[in-house]
Amino acid sequence: MIWTFVLRLSIAALLGAIIGFDRELRAKEAGLRTHFLVALGSALFMIVSIYAFAADPRSDPGRIAAQVVTGIGFIGAGSILIHKQFVRGLTTAAGLWATAGIGLAVGGGMYAVGLAAMVLTLAGLELSTLIFKTVGIHSSLLVFSTSDEQNLRQVLTHIHEKGYHLMSYEATHETVGEGTLYRVTMVVKTRSRNEDTHLFQFMQSLPELTIERLE
């Protein structure tokens, strides 16, 4: 029996690691180790839930498993970042939730269900990326700095002329030597990834402007 449990833990951890590896390649907040541990821990809780108290007729095998579903919400919440109208991490949180379900399924001995869920999870993550890569509305977080105030006007004019949607704009300035350094954080919505690239290239072409962050 012990080797059956070890097998279940190993399979759950492997399936979680596969999803985590995909997330790692895309530099997401939760990567291989997080998904590995979520799937492994969920399988372990499921095994304990079913077998540890099997001799007690009053035990409820689903109680611990239910708490896993609730508890994984805290990890998922930690992966969600909110900056004004820009939200990141929702897909990562949902992926962790699905990974916990995969671990529970394998921990309960439902290998085929766990494997199928892993394949469908990866399909949902990757196929949606391919389908919506060039269509739909995209949000980009841009943080840049410049010592030329005219650059601020040029960036805003370019966004307006191209029909992009400026969702938020925050500018600060500080004295550096004999000049002034302006730092801007803004969220822009465009219609395609190509428009994101064009905006990035335009900003790069401006003198004395440094893009510090782009998401």
C-alpha atoms as a PDB file:
ATOM      1  CA  MET A   1       0.000   0.000   0.000  1.00  0.00           C
ATOM      2  CA  ILE A   2       2.800   2.437   0.850  1.00  0.00           C
ATOM      3  CA  TRP A   3       4.257   2.132  -2.656  1.00  0.00           C
ATOM      4  CA  THR A   4       0.854   2.891  -4.134  1.00  0.00           C
ATOM      5  CA  PHE A   5       0.786   6.119  -2.152  1.00  0.00           C
ATOM      6  CA  VAL A   6       4.329   6.975  -3.266  1.00  0.00           C
ATOM      7  CA  LEU A   7       3.305   6.342  -6.873  1.00  0.00           C
ATOM      8  CA  ARG A   8       0.319   8.646  -6.535  1.00  0.00           C
ATOM      9  CA  LEU A   9       2.433  11.387  -4.995  1.00  0.00           C
ATOM     10  CA  SER A  10       5.032  11.025  -7.736  1.00  0.00           C
ATOM     11  CA  ILE A  11       2.511  11.135 -10.559  1.00  0.00           C
ATOM     12  CA  ALA A  12       0.708  14.141  -9.061  1.00  0.00           C
ATOM     13  CA  ALA A  13       3.996  15.986  -8.600  1.00  0.00           C
ATOM     14  CA  LEU A  14       5.050  15.166 -12.170  1.00  0.00           C
ATOM     15  CA  LEU A  15       1.792  16.419 -13.675  1.00  0.00           C
ATOM     16  CA  GLY A  16       2.007  19.600 -11.614  1.00  0.00           C
ATOM     17  CA  ALA A  17       5.639  20.088 -12.669  1.00  0.00           C
ATOM     18  CA  ILE A  18       4.691  19.818 -16.353  1.00  0.00           C
ATOM     19  CA  ILE A  19       2.176  22.638 -15.989  1.00  0.00           C
ATOM     20  CA  GLY A  20       4.666  24.609 -13.901  1.00  0.00           C
ATOM     21  CA  PHE A  21       7.351  24.197 -16.556  1.00  0.00           C
ATOM     22  CA  ASP A  22       5.030  25.771 -19.110  1.00  0.00           C
ATOM     23  CA  ARG A  23       4.414  28.685 -16.749  1.00  0.00           C
ATOM     24  CA  GLU A  24       8.160  28.943 -16.050  1.00  0.00           C
ATOM     25  CA  LEU A  25       8.889  29.315 -19.763  1.00  0.00           C
ATOM     26  CA  ARG A  26       6.492  32.237 -19.890  1.00  0.00           C
ATOM     27  CA  ALA A  27       8.044  33.848 -16.793  1.00  0.00           C
ATOM     28  CA  LYS A  28       4.806  33.767 -14.802  1.00  0.00           C
ATOM     29  CA  GLU A  29       4.528  34.517 -11.085  1.00  0.00           C
ATOM     30  CA  ALA A  30       4.086  30.841 -10.153  1.00  0.00           C
ATOM     31  CA  GLY A  31       6.451  28.466 -11.923  1.00  0.00           C
ATOM     32  CA  LEU A  32       7.633  24.878 -11.796  1.00  0.00           C
ATOM     33  CA  ARG A  33       8.339  24.615  -8.077  1.00  0.00           C
ATOM     34  CA  THR A  34       5.038  26.202  -7.053  1.00  0.00           C
ATOM     35  CA  HIS A  35       2.915  23.937  -9.262  1.00  0.00           C
ATOM     36  CA  PHE A  36       5.010  20.916  -8.255  1.00  0.00           C
ATOM     37  CA  LEU A  37       4.368  21.576  -4.575  1.00  0.00           C
ATOM     38  CA  VAL A  38       0.683  22.411  -5.032  1.00  0.00           C
ATOM     39  CA  ALA A  39       0.009  19.138  -6.861  1.00  0.00           C
ATOM     40  CA  LEU A  40       2.145  17.111  -4.445  1.00  0.00           C
ATOM     41  CA  GLY A  41       0.558  18.678  -1.363  1.00  0.00           C
ATOM     42  CA  SER A  42      -2.963  18.240  -2.725  1.00  0.00           C
ATOM     43  CA  ALA A  43      -2.339  14.565  -3.456  1.00  0.00           C
ATOM     44  CA  LEU A  44      -0.913  14.082   0.029  1.00  0.00           C
ATOM     45  CA  PHE A  45      -3.936  15.699   1.661  1.00  0.00           C
ATOM     46  CA  MET A  46      -6.250  13.564  -0.454  1.00  0.00           C
ATOM     47  CA  ILE A  47      -4.461  10.365   0.574  1.00  0.00           C
ATOM     48  CA  VAL A  48      -4.569  11.371   4.248  1.00  0.00           C
ATOM     49  CA  SER A  49      -8.224  12.353   3.875  1.00  0.00           C
ATOM     50  CA  ILE A  50      -9.230   8.955   2.452  1.00  0.00           C
ATOM     51  CA  TYR A  51      -6.997   6.515   4.301  1.00  0.00           C
ATOM     52  CA  ALA A  52      -5.713   8.006   7.565  1.00  0.00           C
ATOM     53  CA  PHE A  53      -9.088   7.900   9.283  1.00  0.00           C
ATOM     54  CA  ALA A  54     -10.680   5.044   7.342  1.00  0.00           C
ATOM     55  CA  ALA A  55     -11.110   2.987  10.526  1.00  0.00           C
ATOM     56  CA  ASP A  56     -13.332   5.660  12.074  1.00  0.00           C
ATOM     57  CA  PRO A  57     -16.887   5.319  10.700  1.00  0.00           C
ATOM     58  CA  ARG A  58     -17.618   8.901  11.721  1.00  0.00           C
ATOM     59  CA  SER A  59     -14.794  10.330   9.588  1.00  0.00           C
ATOM     60  CA  ASP A  60     -15.574  12.406   6.522  1.00  0.00           C
ATOM     61  CA  PRO A  61     -13.082  11.670   3.717  1.00  0.00           C
ATOM     62  CA  GLY A  62     -14.081  14.807   1.859  1.00  0.00           C
ATOM     63  CA  ARG A  63     -13.444  17.245   4.697  1.00  0.00           C
ATOM     64  CA  ILE A  64      -9.691  17.659   4.214  1.00  0.00           C
ATOM     65  CA  ALA A  65     -10.030  17.695   0.436  1.00  0.00           C
ATOM     66  CA  ALA A  66     -12.610  20.473   0.701  1.00  0.00           C
ATOM     67  CA  GLN A  67     -10.227  22.536   2.796  1.00  0.00           C
ATOM     68  CA  VAL A  68      -7.561  22.167   0.098  1.00  0.00           C
ATOM     69  CA  VAL A  69      -9.896  23.840  -2.379  1.00  0.00           C
ATOM     70  CA  THR A  70     -10.412  26.701   0.069  1.00  0.00           C
ATOM     71  CA  GLY A  71      -6.770  26.963   1.067  1.00  0.00           C
ATOM     72  CA  ILE A  72      -5.461  27.098  -2.475  1.00  0.00           C
ATOM     73  CA  GLY A  73      -7.384  30.340  -2.849  1.00  0.00           C
ATOM     74  CA  PHE A  74      -4.894  32.082  -0.574  1.00  0.00           C
ATOM     75  CA  ILE A  75      -1.976  31.032  -2.775  1.00  0.00           C
ATOM     76  CA  GLY A  76      -3.892  32.077  -5.857  1.00  0.00           C
ATOM     77  CA  ALA A  77      -4.690  35.460  -4.344  1.00  0.00           C
ATOM     78  CA  GLY A  78      -1.001  35.991  -3.684  1.00  0.00           C
ATOM     79  CA  SER A  79      -0.241  35.612  -7.386  1.00  0.00           C
ATOM     80  CA  ILE A  80      -2.708  38.335  -8.446  1.00  0.00           C
ATOM     81  CA  LEU A  81      -1.208  41.787  -8.852  1.00  0.00           C
ATOM     82  CA  ILE A  82      -3.372  44.885  -9.262  1.00  0.00           C
ATOM     83  CA  HIS A  83      -2.031  48.210 -10.472  1.00  0.00           C
ATOM     84  CA  LYS A  84      -4.819  50.721 -10.995  1.00  0.00           C
ATOM     85  CA  GLN A  85      -6.814  49.239 -13.908  1.00  0.00           C
ATOM     86  CA  PHE A  86      -4.160  46.656 -14.793  1.00  0.00           C
ATOM     87  CA  VAL A  87      -4.650  43.176 -13.330  1.00  0.00           C
ATOM     88  CA  ARG A  88      -2.115  40.364 -13.658  1.00  0.00           C
ATOM     89  CA  GLY A  89      -2.032  36.834 -12.342  1.00  0.00           C
ATOM     90  CA  LEU A  90      -5.650  35.737 -12.753  1.00  0.00           C
ATOM     91  CA  THR A  91      -4.678  32.965 -15.172  1.00  0.00           C
ATOM     92  CA  THR A  92      -1.857  31.891 -12.869  1.00  0.00           C
ATOM     93  CA  ALA A  93      -4.268  31.729  -9.933  1.00  0.00           C
ATOM     94  CA  ALA A  94      -6.719  29.646 -11.972  1.00  0.00           C
ATOM     95  CA  GLY A  95      -3.871  27.368 -13.059  1.00  0.00           C
ATOM     96  CA  LEU A  96      -2.888  26.755  -9.444  1.00  0.00           C
ATOM     97  CA  TRP A  97      -6.502  25.957  -8.619  1.00  0.00           C
ATOM     98  CA  ALA A  98      -6.654  23.440 -11.485  1.00  0.00           C
ATOM     99  CA  THR A  99      -3.305  21.958 -10.412  1.00  0.00           C
ATOM    100  CA  ALA A 100      -4.665  21.418  -6.910  1.00  0.00           C
ATOM    101  CA  GLY A 101      -7.615  19.569  -8.461  1.00  0.00           C
ATOM    102  CA  ILE A 102      -5.228  17.386 -10.449  1.00  0.00           C
ATOM    103  CA  GLY A 103      -3.353  16.522  -7.267  1.00  0.00           C
ATOM    104  CA  LEU A 104      -6.589  15.625  -5.489  1.00  0.00           C
ATOM    105  CA  ALA A 105      -7.683  13.401  -8.378  1.00  0.00           C
ATOM    106  CA  VAL A 106      -4.393  11.507  -8.522  1.00  0.00           C
ATOM    107  CA  GLY A 107      -4.269  11.274  -4.726  1.00  0.00           C
ATOM    108  CA  GLY A 108      -7.667   9.580  -4.916  1.00  0.00           C
ATOM    109  CA  GLY A 109      -6.338   7.072  -7.441  1.00  0.00           C
ATOM    110  CA  MET A 110      -8.013   8.656 -10.478  1.00  0.00           C
ATOM    111  CA  TYR A 111      -4.903   8.633 -12.674  1.00  0.00           C
ATOM    112  CA  ALA A 112      -6.679   8.980 -16.019  1.00  0.00           C
ATOM    113  CA  VAL A 113      -8.757  11.896 -14.780  1.00  0.00           C
ATOM    114  CA  GLY A 114      -5.660  13.662 -13.452  1.00  0.00           C
ATOM    115  CA  LEU A 115      -3.769  13.107 -16.712  1.00  0.00           C
ATOM    116  CA  ALA A 116      -6.716  14.307 -18.800  1.00  0.00           C
ATOM    117  CA  ALA A 117      -7.080  17.381 -16.590  1.00  0.00           C
ATOM    118  CA  MET A 118      -3.385  18.203 -17.026  1.00  0.00           C
ATOM    119  CA  VAL A 119      -3.640  17.922 -20.833  1.00  0.00           C
ATOM    120  CA  LEU A 120      -6.764  20.097 -20.896  1.00  0.00           C
ATOM    121  CA  THR A 121      -5.163  22.659 -18.575  1.00  0.00           C
ATOM    122  CA  LEU A 122      -2.121  22.959 -20.831  1.00  0.00           C
ATOM    123  CA  ALA A 123      -4.361  23.118 -23.877  1.00  0.00           C
ATOM    124  CA  GLY A 124      -6.374  25.919 -22.326  1.00  0.00           C
ATOM    125  CA  LEU A 125      -3.247  27.868 -21.436  1.00  0.00           C
ATOM    126  CA  GLU A 126      -1.392  27.415 -24.712  1.00  0.00           C
ATOM    127  CA  LEU A 127      -4.184  27.350 -27.286  1.00  0.00           C
ATOM    128  CA  SER A 128      -5.742  30.515 -25.908  1.00  0.00           C
ATOM    129  CA  THR A 129      -2.342  32.211 -26.183  1.00  0.00           C
ATOM    130  CA  LEU A 130      -2.008  31.162 -29.827  1.00  0.00           C
ATOM    131  CA  ILE A 131      -5.569  32.094 -30.756  1.00  0.00           C
ATOM    132  CA  PHE A 132      -5.537  35.531 -29.137  1.00  0.00           C
ATOM    133  CA  LYS A 133      -1.914  36.370 -29.884  1.00  0.00           C
ATOM    134  CA  THR A 134      -2.779  38.756 -32.703  1.00  0.00           C
ATOM    135  CA  VAL A 135      -6.414  39.614 -31.972  1.00  0.00           C
ATOM    136  CA  GLY A 136      -8.366  41.079 -29.094  1.00  0.00           C
ATOM    137  CA  ILE A 137      -7.616  43.872 -26.646  1.00  0.00           C
ATOM    138  CA  HIS A 138      -4.247  43.815 -24.896  1.00  0.00           C
ATOM    139  CA  SER A 139      -3.171  45.731 -21.807  1.00  0.00           C
ATOM    140  CA  SER A 140       0.411  46.872 -21.407  1.00  0.00           C
ATOM    141  CA  LEU A 141       2.067  48.355 -18.357  1.00  0.00           C
ATOM    142  CA  LEU A 142       4.797  50.837 -19.288  1.00  0.00           C
ATOM    143  CA  VAL A 143       7.237  52.526 -16.933  1.00  0.00           C
ATOM    144  CA  PHE A 144       9.707  54.951 -18.459  1.00  0.00           C
ATOM    145  CA  SER A 145      11.869  57.892 -17.490  1.00  0.00           C
ATOM    146  CA  THR A 146      13.103  60.883 -19.451  1.00  0.00           C
ATOM    147  CA  SER A 147      14.928  64.112 -18.834  1.00  0.00           C
ATOM    148  CA  ASP A 148      13.132  65.839 -21.722  1.00  0.00           C
ATOM    149  CA  GLU A 149       9.619  67.017 -20.872  1.00  0.00           C
ATOM    150  CA  GLN A 150       8.814  67.192 -24.595  1.00  0.00           C
ATOM    151  CA  ASN A 151       8.998  63.391 -24.733  1.00  0.00           C
ATOM    152  CA  LEU A 152       5.979  63.164 -22.450  1.00  0.00           C
ATOM    153  CA  ARG A 153       3.905  65.173 -24.917  1.00  0.00           C
ATOM    154  CA  GLN A 154       5.150  63.125 -27.874  1.00  0.00           C
ATOM    155  CA  VAL A 155       4.234  59.825 -26.232  1.00  0.00           C
ATOM    156  CA  LEU A 156       0.737  61.038 -25.343  1.00  0.00           C
ATOM    157  CA  THR A 157       0.233  62.486 -28.830  1.00  0.00           C
ATOM    158  CA  HIS A 158       1.325  59.213 -30.426  1.00  0.00           C
ATOM    159  CA  ILE A 159      -1.083  57.211 -28.257  1.00  0.00           C
ATOM    160  CA  HIS A 160      -3.935  59.555 -29.186  1.00  0.00           C
ATOM    161  CA  GLU A 161      -3.146  59.525 -32.929  1.00  0.00           C
ATOM    162  CA  LYS A 162      -2.968  55.734 -33.080  1.00  0.00           C
ATOM    163  CA  GLY A 163      -6.265  55.311 -31.262  1.00  0.00           C
ATOM    164  CA  TYR A 164      -4.828  53.470 -28.281  1.00  0.00           C
ATOM    165  CA  HIS A 165      -6.694  53.640 -24.973  1.00  0.00           C
ATOM    166  CA  LEU A 166      -4.780  55.261 -22.115  1.00  0.00           C
ATOM    167  CA  MET A 167      -6.272  53.608 -19.027  1.00  0.00           C
ATOM    168  CA  SER A 168      -4.075  55.241 -16.390  1.00  0.00           C
ATOM    169  CA  TYR A 169      -1.229  57.738 -16.296  1.00  0.00           C
ATOM    170  CA  GLU A 170       0.955  58.714 -13.354  1.00  0.00           C
ATOM    171  CA  ALA A 171       3.956  61.025 -13.597  1.00  0.00           C
ATOM    172  CA  THR A 172       6.477  62.105 -11.001  1.00  0.00           C
ATOM    173  CA  HIS A 173       9.625  64.205 -11.271  1.00  0.00           C
ATOM    174  CA  GLU A 174      12.778  64.761  -9.305  1.00  0.00           C
ATOM    175  CA  THR A 175      15.790  67.007  -9.581  1.00  0.00           C
ATOM    176  CA  VAL A 176      18.894  65.275 -10.867  1.00  0.00           C
ATOM    177  CA  GLY A 177      21.955  67.500 -11.023  1.00  0.00           C
ATOM    178  CA  GLU A 178      20.951  70.621 -12.908  1.00  0.00           C
ATOM    179  CA  GLY A 179      18.035  68.993 -14.687  1.00  0.00           C
ATOM    180  CA  THR A 180      14.737  67.263 -13.997  1.00  0.00           C
ATOM    181  CA  LEU A 181      14.025  63.559 -14.404  1.00  0.00           C
ATOM    182  CA  TYR A 182      10.438  62.602 -15.193  1.00  0.00           C
ATOM    183  CA  ARG A 183       9.215  59.076 -14.411  1.00  0.00           C
ATOM    184  CA  VAL A 184       5.913  57.885 -15.887  1.00  0.00           C
ATOM    185  CA  THR A 185       3.803  54.805 -15.192  1.00  0.00           C
ATOM    186  CA  MET A 186       0.914  54.162 -17.547  1.00  0.00           C
ATOM    187  CA  VAL A 187      -1.416  51.405 -18.686  1.00  0.00           C
ATOM    188  CA  VAL A 188      -2.286  51.339 -22.382  1.00  0.00           C
ATOM    189  CA  LYS A 189      -4.804  49.121 -24.163  1.00  0.00           C
ATOM    190  CA  THR A 190      -4.167  48.231 -27.804  1.00  0.00           C
ATOM    191  CA  ARG A 191      -5.906  46.028 -30.345  1.00  0.00           C
ATOM    192  CA  SER A 192      -3.011  43.664 -31.041  1.00  0.00           C
ATOM    193  CA  ARG A 193       0.483  42.639 -29.993  1.00  0.00           C
ATOM    194  CA  ASN A 194       1.806  44.358 -33.115  1.00  0.00           C
ATOM    195  CA  GLU A 195       0.509  47.687 -31.844  1.00  0.00           C
ATOM    196  CA  ASP A 196       2.273  47.029 -28.540  1.00  0.00           C
ATOM    197  CA  THR A 197       5.495  46.531 -30.482  1.00  0.00           C
ATOM    198  CA  HIS A 198       4.996  49.704 -32.541  1.00  0.00           C
ATOM    199  CA  LEU A 199       4.447  51.767 -29.405  1.00  0.00           C
ATOM    200  CA  PHE A 200       7.544  50.271 -27.806  1.00  0.00           C
ATOM    201  CA  GLN A 201       9.638  51.007 -30.919  1.00  0.00           C
ATOM    202  CA  PHE A 202       8.349  54.578 -31.091  1.00  0.00           C
ATOM    203  CA  MET A 203       9.313  55.221 -27.475  1.00  0.00           C
ATOM    204  CA  GLN A 204      12.736  53.701 -28.032  1.00  0.00           C
ATOM    205  CA  SER A 205      13.323  56.126 -30.891  1.00  0.00           C
ATOM    206  CA  LEU A 206      12.863  59.152 -28.639  1.00  0.00           C
ATOM    207  CA  PRO A 207      16.096  60.710 -27.354  1.00  0.00           C
ATOM    208  CA  GLU A 208      16.859  60.717 -23.635  1.00  0.00           C
ATOM    209  CA  LEU A 209      14.022  58.272 -22.876  1.00  0.00           C
ATOM    210  CA  THR A 210      14.587  55.014 -21.042  1.00  0.00           C
ATOM    211  CA  ILE A 211      11.962  52.263 -20.811  1.00  0.00           C
ATOM    212  CA  GLU A 212      12.377  50.779 -17.335  1.00  0.00           C
ATOM    213  CA  ARG A 213       9.556  48.243 -17.383  1.00  0.00           C
ATOM    214  CA  LEU A 214       7.227  46.726 -19.972  1.00  0.00           C
ATOM    215  CA  GLU A 215       4.580  44.091 -19.236  1.00  0.00           C
END
